[in-house]
Amino acid sequence: MLIAIDHVLSADDVRAFRRQLDHADWQDGAQTAGTLARSVKHNEQLADGSELAVALGQRILRELAAHPLFISAALPAQIYPPKFNRYAGGGTYGAHVDSAIMQIPGKQLSLRSDLSATLFLSDPDEYDGGELEIEGPFGVQSVKLAAGDMVLYPSSSLHRVTPVTRGARIASFFWIESLVQDDGERTLLFDLDQSIQQLTPDTQADDPRLLKLSGVYHNLLRRWARTR
């Protein structure tokens, strides 16, 4: 499942982020790449654990915790602390698949990457190129969203960022371990939950049909969810 989530950050939030990120100390992104990815990764990143990255990442996590569409789509068990990258001057990231298991910084915990997320912090008219291309069962999908919007997609997907030939593409990216590991099961739960939410405003809370649908959702979640 690939889903775009609008307005994770407001326009004011984006402006506040950019005031700091436009003057940040960007470092060579290849320093954090794996052996295979290092040869195809040409971008800049904020240092992991830097004061700015931590502060902005925590703000993103607070917004996501209150975002019903994100919760419905991801069913998050753990979220890797958000990181930040910048592409400019031909910067690109060739085709790659994200690592399956990641060590959470500063903790004796690992995370299984079920979902990958890119939160755009530059508007499309600020740069040329920089599309996030994600390969799926129906071909390649090209994603270039408004600043403040986010795309969520399976971490198992082969994906790339095309070269940025004008301006700068700034974004946050991170990974989610879901309570429901299987993408097909998670997609069914998401579709069912969204249908229930669409019906709820026009249906009495004690309507047997709505109660039955809600029961089906929670019983499927109970069957498929894996908690620690």
C-alpha atoms as a PDB file:
ATOM      1  CA  MET A   1       0.000   0.000   0.000  1.00  0.00           C
ATOM      2  CA  LEU A   2       1.229   3.449  -0.951  1.00  0.00           C
ATOM      3  CA  ILE A   3      -0.648   6.356   0.611  1.00  0.00           C
ATOM      4  CA  ALA A   4      -0.142  10.126   0.603  1.00  0.00           C
ATOM      5  CA  ILE A   5      -1.005  11.857   3.871  1.00  0.00           C
ATOM      6  CA  ASP A   6      -1.742  15.561   3.542  1.00  0.00           C
ATOM      7  CA  HIS A   7      -0.902  18.287   6.053  1.00  0.00           C
ATOM      8  CA  VAL A   8       1.221  16.346   8.513  1.00  0.00           C
ATOM      9  CA  LEU A   9       2.852  19.722   9.113  1.00  0.00           C
ATOM     10  CA  SER A  10       1.058  23.035   8.694  1.00  0.00           C
ATOM     11  CA  ALA A  11       2.391  25.805   6.458  1.00  0.00           C
ATOM     12  CA  ASP A  12       3.587  27.653   9.577  1.00  0.00           C
ATOM     13  CA  ASP A  13       5.372  24.530  10.801  1.00  0.00           C
ATOM     14  CA  VAL A  14       7.082  24.068   7.434  1.00  0.00           C
ATOM     15  CA  ARG A  15       8.289  27.679   7.455  1.00  0.00           C
ATOM     16  CA  ALA A  16       9.657  27.231  10.978  1.00  0.00           C
ATOM     17  CA  PHE A  17      11.446  24.022   9.966  1.00  0.00           C
ATOM     18  CA  ARG A  18      12.924  25.635   6.872  1.00  0.00           C
ATOM     19  CA  ARG A  19      14.224  28.682   8.728  1.00  0.00           C
ATOM     20  CA  GLN A  20      16.442  26.290  10.651  1.00  0.00           C
ATOM     21  CA  LEU A  21      17.175  23.688   7.974  1.00  0.00           C
ATOM     22  CA  ASP A  22      18.168  26.230   5.316  1.00  0.00           C
ATOM     23  CA  HIS A  23      21.128  27.204   7.513  1.00  0.00           C
ATOM     24  CA  ALA A  24      21.879  23.778   8.975  1.00  0.00           C
ATOM     25  CA  ASP A  25      25.219  21.976   8.965  1.00  0.00           C
ATOM     26  CA  TRP A  26      24.584  19.397   6.252  1.00  0.00           C
ATOM     27  CA  GLN A  27      26.965  16.449   5.939  1.00  0.00           C
ATOM     28  CA  ASP A  28      27.702  13.875   3.238  1.00  0.00           C
ATOM     29  CA  GLY A  29      24.817  11.408   3.258  1.00  0.00           C
ATOM     30  CA  ALA A  30      27.031   8.555   2.080  1.00  0.00           C
ATOM     31  CA  GLN A  31      28.498   8.379   5.593  1.00  0.00           C
ATOM     32  CA  THR A  32      25.319   6.646   6.807  1.00  0.00           C
ATOM     33  CA  ALA A  33      24.751   4.414   3.769  1.00  0.00           C
ATOM     34  CA  GLY A  34      25.197   0.649   3.775  1.00  0.00           C
ATOM     35  CA  THR A  35      27.823  -1.083   1.663  1.00  0.00           C
ATOM     36  CA  LEU A  36      25.640  -1.455  -1.423  1.00  0.00           C
ATOM     37  CA  ALA A  37      23.834   1.879  -1.095  1.00  0.00           C
ATOM     38  CA  ARG A  38      26.999   3.942  -0.638  1.00  0.00           C
ATOM     39  CA  SER A  39      27.810   3.908  -4.352  1.00  0.00           C
ATOM     40  CA  VAL A  40      24.353   5.211  -5.375  1.00  0.00           C
ATOM     41  CA  LYS A  41      23.676   7.683  -2.540  1.00  0.00           C
ATOM     42  CA  HIS A  42      24.598  11.278  -3.342  1.00  0.00           C
ATOM     43  CA  ASN A  43      22.885  13.655  -0.939  1.00  0.00           C
ATOM     44  CA  GLU A  44      23.363  15.499   2.346  1.00  0.00           C
ATOM     45  CA  GLN A  45      21.983  14.708   5.789  1.00  0.00           C
ATOM     46  CA  LEU A  46      21.804  16.241   9.231  1.00  0.00           C
ATOM     47  CA  ALA A  47      24.023  14.416  11.689  1.00  0.00           C
ATOM     48  CA  ASP A  48      22.103  11.751  13.583  1.00  0.00           C
ATOM     49  CA  GLY A  49      21.561  12.871  17.146  1.00  0.00           C
ATOM     50  CA  SER A  50      22.268  16.538  16.445  1.00  0.00           C
ATOM     51  CA  GLU A  51      20.264  18.985  18.549  1.00  0.00           C
ATOM     52  CA  LEU A  52      18.351  20.275  15.510  1.00  0.00           C
ATOM     53  CA  ALA A  53      17.534  16.825  14.120  1.00  0.00           C
ATOM     54  CA  VAL A  54      16.288  15.623  17.504  1.00  0.00           C
ATOM     55  CA  ALA A  55      14.132  18.704  18.137  1.00  0.00           C
ATOM     56  CA  LEU A  56      12.512  18.692  14.699  1.00  0.00           C
ATOM     57  CA  GLY A  57      12.095  14.916  14.770  1.00  0.00           C
ATOM     58  CA  GLN A  58      10.269  15.063  18.082  1.00  0.00           C
ATOM     59  CA  ARG A  59       7.914  17.680  16.650  1.00  0.00           C
ATOM     60  CA  ILE A  60       7.096  15.371  13.730  1.00  0.00           C
ATOM     61  CA  LEU A  61       6.448  12.457  16.076  1.00  0.00           C
ATOM     62  CA  ARG A  62       4.037  14.561  18.159  1.00  0.00           C
ATOM     63  CA  GLU A  63       2.090  15.487  15.023  1.00  0.00           C
ATOM     64  CA  LEU A  64       1.944  11.880  13.837  1.00  0.00           C
ATOM     65  CA  ALA A  65       0.715  10.649  17.219  1.00  0.00           C
ATOM     66  CA  ALA A  66      -2.411  12.789  16.751  1.00  0.00           C
ATOM     67  CA  HIS A  67      -2.908  12.125  13.026  1.00  0.00           C
ATOM     68  CA  PRO A  68      -5.783   9.621  12.554  1.00  0.00           C
ATOM     69  CA  LEU A  69      -4.971   8.776   8.934  1.00  0.00           C
ATOM     70  CA  PHE A  70      -1.372   7.922   9.803  1.00  0.00           C
ATOM     71  CA  ILE A  71      -2.455   5.757  12.744  1.00  0.00           C
ATOM     72  CA  SER A  72      -5.034   3.979  10.584  1.00  0.00           C
ATOM     73  CA  ALA A  73      -2.576   3.312   7.749  1.00  0.00           C
ATOM     74  CA  ALA A  74       0.553   2.445   9.739  1.00  0.00           C
ATOM     75  CA  LEU A  75      -0.745   0.911  12.996  1.00  0.00           C
ATOM     76  CA  PRO A  76       2.633   1.877  14.461  1.00  0.00           C
ATOM     77  CA  ALA A  77       4.370  -0.183  17.112  1.00  0.00           C
ATOM     78  CA  GLN A  78       7.672   1.730  16.879  1.00  0.00           C
ATOM     79  CA  ILE A  79       8.914   4.676  14.825  1.00  0.00           C
ATOM     80  CA  TYR A  80      12.564   5.273  14.023  1.00  0.00           C
ATOM     81  CA  PRO A  81      13.582   8.833  15.032  1.00  0.00           C
ATOM     82  CA  PRO A  82      13.069  11.055  11.957  1.00  0.00           C
ATOM     83  CA  LYS A  83      16.151  11.932   9.909  1.00  0.00           C
ATOM     84  CA  PHE A  84      16.596  14.814   7.455  1.00  0.00           C
ATOM     85  CA  ASN A  85      18.153  14.962   4.009  1.00  0.00           C
ATOM     86  CA  ARG A  86      18.870  17.466   1.270  1.00  0.00           C
ATOM     87  CA  TYR A  87      19.346  16.949  -2.473  1.00  0.00           C
ATOM     88  CA  ALA A  88      20.851  19.685  -4.664  1.00  0.00           C
ATOM     89  CA  GLY A  89      23.313  20.141  -7.528  1.00  0.00           C
ATOM     90  CA  GLY A  90      22.490  16.824  -9.178  1.00  0.00           C
ATOM     91  CA  GLY A  91      22.027  14.981  -5.878  1.00  0.00           C
ATOM     92  CA  THR A  92      20.330  11.634  -6.266  1.00  0.00           C
ATOM     93  CA  TYR A  93      19.820   8.253  -4.597  1.00  0.00           C
ATOM     94  CA  GLY A  94      19.851   5.274  -6.928  1.00  0.00           C
ATOM     95  CA  ALA A  95      17.624   2.220  -6.687  1.00  0.00           C
ATOM     96  CA  HIS A  96      17.790   0.529  -3.285  1.00  0.00           C
ATOM     97  CA  VAL A  97      15.759  -1.338  -0.674  1.00  0.00           C
ATOM     98  CA  ASP A  98      15.796  -0.140   2.930  1.00  0.00           C
ATOM     99  CA  SER A  99      17.443  -2.320   5.569  1.00  0.00           C
ATOM    100  CA  ALA A 100      15.072  -4.804   7.175  1.00  0.00           C
ATOM    101  CA  ILE A 101      16.335  -4.439  10.771  1.00  0.00           C
ATOM    102  CA  MET A 102      17.584  -1.184  12.271  1.00  0.00           C
ATOM    103  CA  GLN A 103      19.092  -0.354  15.642  1.00  0.00           C
ATOM    104  CA  ILE A 104      17.276   2.552  17.282  1.00  0.00           C
ATOM    105  CA  PRO A 105      19.876   5.194  18.251  1.00  0.00           C
ATOM    106  CA  GLY A 106      20.594   5.416  21.958  1.00  0.00           C
ATOM    107  CA  LYS A 107      18.451   2.394  22.839  1.00  0.00           C
ATOM    108  CA  GLN A 108      18.969  -1.325  23.192  1.00  0.00           C
ATOM    109  CA  LEU A 109      16.130  -1.870  20.765  1.00  0.00           C
ATOM    110  CA  SER A 110      15.891  -2.886  17.148  1.00  0.00           C
ATOM    111  CA  LEU A 111      13.135  -2.043  14.691  1.00  0.00           C
ATOM    112  CA  ARG A 112      11.796  -4.074  11.775  1.00  0.00           C
ATOM    113  CA  SER A 113      11.175  -1.682   8.895  1.00  0.00           C
ATOM    114  CA  ASP A 114       7.681  -2.464   7.606  1.00  0.00           C
ATOM    115  CA  LEU A 115       6.910   1.003   6.268  1.00  0.00           C
ATOM    116  CA  SER A 116       9.049   3.851   4.983  1.00  0.00           C
ATOM    117  CA  ALA A 117       7.974   7.483   5.150  1.00  0.00           C
ATOM    118  CA  THR A 118       9.113  10.637   3.360  1.00  0.00           C
ATOM    119  CA  LEU A 119       7.819  13.970   4.660  1.00  0.00           C
ATOM    120  CA  PHE A 120       8.429  16.682   2.071  1.00  0.00           C
ATOM    121  CA  LEU A 121       9.716  20.031   3.352  1.00  0.00           C
ATOM    122  CA  SER A 122      10.220  21.714  -0.052  1.00  0.00           C
ATOM    123  CA  ASP A 123       7.374  22.570  -2.410  1.00  0.00           C
ATOM    124  CA  PRO A 124       7.547  21.041  -5.918  1.00  0.00           C
ATOM    125  CA  ASP A 125       8.144  24.429  -7.575  1.00  0.00           C
ATOM    126  CA  GLU A 126      11.312  24.951  -5.524  1.00  0.00           C
ATOM    127  CA  TYR A 127      13.278  22.297  -7.385  1.00  0.00           C
ATOM    128  CA  ASP A 128      13.435  20.270 -10.593  1.00  0.00           C
ATOM    129  CA  GLY A 129      13.798  16.517 -10.429  1.00  0.00           C
ATOM    130  CA  GLY A 130      13.857  14.894  -7.003  1.00  0.00           C
ATOM    131  CA  GLU A 131      10.898  12.596  -7.614  1.00  0.00           C
ATOM    132  CA  LEU A 132      10.635   9.639  -5.264  1.00  0.00           C
ATOM    133  CA  GLU A 133      10.084   6.667  -7.566  1.00  0.00           C
ATOM    134  CA  ILE A 134       8.637   3.557  -5.920  1.00  0.00           C
ATOM    135  CA  GLU A 135       8.343   0.238  -7.719  1.00  0.00           C
ATOM    136  CA  GLY A 136       5.242  -1.795  -6.979  1.00  0.00           C
ATOM    137  CA  PRO A 137       3.059  -4.533  -8.464  1.00  0.00           C
ATOM    138  CA  PHE A 138       1.520  -2.066 -10.942  1.00  0.00           C
ATOM    139  CA  GLY A 139       4.774  -0.457 -12.069  1.00  0.00           C
ATOM    140  CA  VAL A 140       6.703   2.599 -10.922  1.00  0.00           C
ATOM    141  CA  GLN A 141       4.879   5.365  -9.055  1.00  0.00           C
ATOM    142  CA  SER A 142       6.451   8.818  -9.007  1.00  0.00           C
ATOM    143  CA  VAL A 143       5.850  10.924  -5.900  1.00  0.00           C
ATOM    144  CA  LYS A 144       6.529  14.653  -5.464  1.00  0.00           C
ATOM    145  CA  LEU A 145       4.273  16.183  -2.812  1.00  0.00           C
ATOM    146  CA  ALA A 146       3.646  19.620  -1.353  1.00  0.00           C
ATOM    147  CA  ALA A 147       5.694  20.731   1.627  1.00  0.00           C
ATOM    148  CA  GLY A 148       4.126  19.343   4.800  1.00  0.00           C
ATOM    149  CA  ASP A 149       2.686  16.267   3.049  1.00  0.00           C
ATOM    150  CA  MET A 150       4.017  12.737   3.538  1.00  0.00           C
ATOM    151  CA  VAL A 151       4.075   9.494   1.585  1.00  0.00           C
ATOM    152  CA  LEU A 152       3.963   6.106   3.290  1.00  0.00           C
ATOM    153  CA  TYR A 153       5.007   2.953   1.414  1.00  0.00           C
ATOM    154  CA  PRO A 154       6.293  -0.587   2.074  1.00  0.00           C
ATOM    155  CA  SER A 155       9.962  -0.675   3.078  1.00  0.00           C
ATOM    156  CA  SER A 156      10.353  -3.796   0.936  1.00  0.00           C
ATOM    157  CA  SER A 157       9.828  -1.663  -2.194  1.00  0.00           C
ATOM    158  CA  LEU A 158      12.673  -0.890  -4.562  1.00  0.00           C
ATOM    159  CA  HIS A 159      12.819   2.913  -4.705  1.00  0.00           C
ATOM    160  CA  ARG A 160      15.022   5.830  -5.793  1.00  0.00           C
ATOM    161  CA  VAL A 161      15.250   9.638  -5.811  1.00  0.00           C
ATOM    162  CA  THR A 162      15.853  11.146  -9.248  1.00  0.00           C
ATOM    163  CA  PRO A 163      18.597  13.792  -9.680  1.00  0.00           C
ATOM    164  CA  VAL A 164      17.776  17.322  -8.491  1.00  0.00           C
ATOM    165  CA  THR A 165      18.886  19.649 -11.281  1.00  0.00           C
ATOM    166  CA  ARG A 166      17.619  22.974  -9.865  1.00  0.00           C
ATOM    167  CA  GLY A 167      17.050  24.201  -6.333  1.00  0.00           C
ATOM    168  CA  ALA A 168      17.071  21.940  -3.280  1.00  0.00           C
ATOM    169  CA  ARG A 169      14.800  19.123  -2.145  1.00  0.00           C
ATOM    170  CA  ILE A 170      14.626  18.959   1.658  1.00  0.00           C
ATOM    171  CA  ALA A 171      12.729  16.211   3.445  1.00  0.00           C
ATOM    172  CA  SER A 172      12.459  14.124   6.573  1.00  0.00           C
ATOM    173  CA  PHE A 173      12.483  10.356   6.327  1.00  0.00           C
ATOM    174  CA  PHE A 174      12.004   7.500   8.763  1.00  0.00           C
ATOM    175  CA  TRP A 175      10.694   3.974   9.196  1.00  0.00           C
ATOM    176  CA  ILE A 176       7.833   2.348  11.056  1.00  0.00           C
ATOM    177  CA  GLU A 177       7.479  -1.087  12.573  1.00  0.00           C
ATOM    178  CA  SER A 178       3.784  -1.876  12.360  1.00  0.00           C
ATOM    179  CA  LEU A 179       1.688  -3.957  14.718  1.00  0.00           C
ATOM    180  CA  VAL A 180       0.622  -5.806  11.553  1.00  0.00           C
ATOM    181  CA  GLN A 181       3.685  -6.937   9.595  1.00  0.00           C
ATOM    182  CA  ASP A 182       1.940  -8.182   6.448  1.00  0.00           C
ATOM    183  CA  ASP A 183       1.222  -5.410   3.943  1.00  0.00           C
ATOM    184  CA  GLY A 184      -1.864  -7.158   2.532  1.00  0.00           C
ATOM    185  CA  GLU A 185      -3.417  -7.606   5.966  1.00  0.00           C
ATOM    186  CA  ARG A 186      -2.583  -4.022   6.906  1.00  0.00           C
ATOM    187  CA  THR A 187      -4.185  -2.757   3.690  1.00  0.00           C
ATOM    188  CA  LEU A 188      -7.410  -4.673   4.381  1.00  0.00           C
ATOM    189  CA  LEU A 189      -7.564  -3.238   7.889  1.00  0.00           C
ATOM    190  CA  PHE A 190      -6.966   0.261   6.565  1.00  0.00           C
ATOM    191  CA  ASP A 191      -9.725  -0.032   3.952  1.00  0.00           C
ATOM    192  CA  LEU A 192     -12.152  -1.393   6.539  1.00  0.00           C
ATOM    193  CA  ASP A 193     -11.289   1.301   9.081  1.00  0.00           C
ATOM    194  CA  GLN A 194     -11.699   4.077   6.513  1.00  0.00           C
ATOM    195  CA  SER A 195     -15.113   2.690   5.500  1.00  0.00           C
ATOM    196  CA  ILE A 196     -16.217   2.632   9.132  1.00  0.00           C
ATOM    197  CA  GLN A 197     -15.056   6.219   9.631  1.00  0.00           C
ATOM    198  CA  GLN A 198     -16.938   7.353   6.523  1.00  0.00           C
ATOM    199  CA  LEU A 199     -20.143   5.688   7.716  1.00  0.00           C
ATOM    200  CA  THR A 200     -19.938   6.903  11.311  1.00  0.00           C
ATOM    201  CA  PRO A 201     -21.117  10.544  10.878  1.00  0.00           C
ATOM    202  CA  ASP A 202     -24.384   9.446   9.233  1.00  0.00           C
ATOM    203  CA  THR A 203     -25.043   6.375  11.383  1.00  0.00           C
ATOM    204  CA  GLN A 204     -26.259   6.016  14.957  1.00  0.00           C
ATOM    205  CA  ALA A 205     -23.524   4.812  17.276  1.00  0.00           C
ATOM    206  CA  ASP A 206     -25.627   1.823  18.329  1.00  0.00           C
ATOM    207  CA  ASP A 207     -26.586   0.808  14.784  1.00  0.00           C
ATOM    208  CA  PRO A 208     -26.079  -2.999  14.636  1.00  0.00           C
ATOM    209  CA  ARG A 209     -24.468  -2.767  11.189  1.00  0.00           C
ATOM    210  CA  LEU A 210     -21.837  -0.307  12.368  1.00  0.00           C
ATOM    211  CA  LEU A 211     -21.211  -2.321  15.522  1.00  0.00           C
ATOM    212  CA  LYS A 212     -20.733  -5.483  13.475  1.00  0.00           C
ATOM    213  CA  LEU A 213     -18.260  -3.809  11.112  1.00  0.00           C
ATOM    214  CA  SER A 214     -16.353  -2.390  14.064  1.00  0.00           C
ATOM    215  CA  GLY A 215     -16.279  -5.827  15.652  1.00  0.00           C
ATOM    216  CA  VAL A 216     -14.917  -7.382  12.465  1.00  0.00           C
ATOM    217  CA  TYR A 217     -12.158  -4.750  12.330  1.00  0.00           C
ATOM    218  CA  HIS A 218     -11.042  -5.308  15.908  1.00  0.00           C
ATOM    219  CA  ASN A 219     -11.236  -9.089  15.676  1.00  0.00           C
ATOM    220  CA  LEU A 220      -9.076  -9.047  12.534  1.00  0.00           C
ATOM    221  CA  LEU A 221      -6.632  -6.699  14.252  1.00  0.00           C
ATOM    222  CA  ARG A 222      -6.596  -9.020  17.265  1.00  0.00           C
ATOM    223  CA  ARG A 223      -5.842 -11.966  14.973  1.00  0.00           C
ATOM    224  CA  TRP A 224      -3.076 -10.265  12.955  1.00  0.00           C
ATOM    225  CA  ALA A 225      -1.388  -7.856  15.372  1.00  0.00           C
ATOM    226  CA  ARG A 226       1.880  -8.829  17.005  1.00  0.00           C
ATOM    227  CA  THR A 227       2.861  -6.994  20.170  1.00  0.00           C
ATOM    228  CA  ARG A 228       6.092  -7.333  22.076  1.00  0.00           C
END
